Amino acid sequence: MAFALHVNMEKCTGCNNCVVACPVDALELYTEGPVAKDKIYKVVNGKAVILDFNAELCAGCGVCVEACPYGVIRLAGPWESRARARKVEA
């Protein structure tokens, strides 16, 4: 069952708490040069800060949501459209 992640990247600080907390390694945080349109990201100093989310690994446990000290993560179930779920919320 695939879950989706809604992340407000304008408020995300890149603290990495969600990545460390995830028991199934469904999240990865990194930076890279060109912006990748299929990832959840924000641009800092010309580089993309990317939160890569593997929906197929996600167990839907919500540990990432609880681990976020800024409350910027929301987990969505498989009943929501994938296109809507990948949208970065403002």
Protein backbone atom coordinates (compact mmCIF):
# COMPACT_ATOMS: atom_id res chain seq x y z
CA MET A 1 0.00 0.00 0.00
CA ALA A 2 1.61 3.30 -1.08
CA PHE A 3 1.55 6.35 1.13
CA ALA A 4 2.47 9.91 0.22
CA LEU A 5 4.27 12.68 2.00
CA HIS A 6 3.23 16.34 2.05
CA VAL A 7 6.12 18.57 3.17
CA ASN A 8 6.14 22.34 3.54
CA MET A 9 9.70 22.87 2.31
CA GLU A 10 9.51 26.61 2.97
CA LYS A 11 9.44 25.80 6.68
CA CYS A 12 11.64 22.68 6.58
CA THR A 13 15.10 23.35 8.06
CA GLY A 14 16.70 20.13 6.82
CA CYS A 15 17.31 18.94 10.40
CA ASN A 16 17.22 15.29 9.20
CA ASN A 17 15.05 14.11 12.15
CA CYS A 18 12.47 12.52 9.83
CA VAL A 19 15.16 10.63 7.91
CA VAL A 20 16.78 9.27 11.08
CA ALA A 21 13.41 8.32 12.60
CA CYS A 22 12.07 6.39 9.59
CA PRO A 23 12.24 2.67 10.45
CA VAL A 24 12.08 1.55 6.80
CA ASP A 25 14.51 4.09 5.27
CA ALA A 26 11.86 5.60 3.01
CA LEU A 27 13.38 9.10 3.32
CA GLU A 28 16.72 10.57 2.25
CA LEU A 29 17.86 14.20 2.56
CA TYR A 30 20.63 15.56 0.35
CA THR A 31 21.67 18.49 -1.85
CA GLU A 32 22.54 18.51 -5.51
CA GLY A 33 23.15 20.91 -8.38
CA PRO A 34 20.27 21.04 -10.83
CA VAL A 35 16.80 21.04 -9.37
CA ALA A 36 14.99 17.72 -9.83
CA LYS A 37 11.31 18.25 -10.58
CA ASP A 38 10.22 14.81 -9.36
CA LYS A 39 11.52 15.33 -5.81
CA ILE A 40 10.37 17.41 -2.85
CA TYR A 41 12.85 20.29 -2.64
CA LYS A 42 13.69 23.89 -1.93
CA VAL A 43 16.56 25.91 -3.37
CA VAL A 44 19.24 27.25 -1.03
CA ASN A 45 22.27 29.08 -2.41
CA GLY A 46 21.52 27.81 -5.91
CA LYS A 47 21.42 24.14 -4.88
CA ALA A 48 18.41 21.93 -4.40
CA VAL A 49 17.80 20.66 -0.88
CA ILE A 50 15.97 17.44 -1.66
CA LEU A 51 13.86 15.23 0.55
CA ASP A 52 13.59 12.03 -1.45
CA PHE A 53 10.61 9.90 -0.47
CA ASN A 54 10.13 6.28 -1.53
CA ALA A 55 6.37 5.72 -1.31
CA GLU A 56 6.73 2.00 -1.94
CA LEU A 57 8.89 1.55 1.17
CA CYS A 58 6.70 3.73 3.39
CA ALA A 59 4.77 1.73 5.99
CA GLY A 60 2.47 4.64 6.89
CA CYS A 61 3.54 4.53 10.54
CA GLY A 62 3.79 8.32 10.89
CA VAL A 63 7.08 8.27 12.80
CA CYS A 64 8.48 10.91 10.43
CA VAL A 65 5.55 13.20 11.21
CA GLU A 66 6.10 12.81 14.96
CA ALA A 67 9.87 13.33 14.62
CA CYS A 68 9.53 16.69 12.86
CA PRO A 69 10.01 19.46 15.45
CA TYR A 70 8.49 22.04 13.07
CA GLY A 71 5.29 20.21 12.12
CA VAL A 72 5.90 20.51 8.38
CA ILE A 73 5.23 16.87 7.41
CA ARG A 74 1.84 15.33 6.73
CA LEU A 75 1.34 11.71 5.71
CA ALA A 76 -1.40 10.90 3.20
CA GLY A 77 -2.93 7.51 2.51
CA PRO A 78 -3.18 5.72 -0.82
CA TRP A 79 -6.71 7.03 -1.36
CA GLU A 80 -5.36 10.48 -2.37
CA SER A 81 -4.13 11.04 -5.90
CA ARG A 82 -0.40 10.54 -6.39
CA ALA A 83 -0.09 13.81 -8.32
CA ARG A 84 -1.67 15.76 -5.48
CA ALA A 85 0.43 13.97 -2.89
CA ARG A 86 3.71 14.90 -4.59
CA LYS A 87 2.80 18.58 -4.59
CA VAL A 88 4.90 20.76 -2.32
CA GLU A 89 2.58 22.71 -0.06
CA ALA A 90 3.21 26.42 0.34
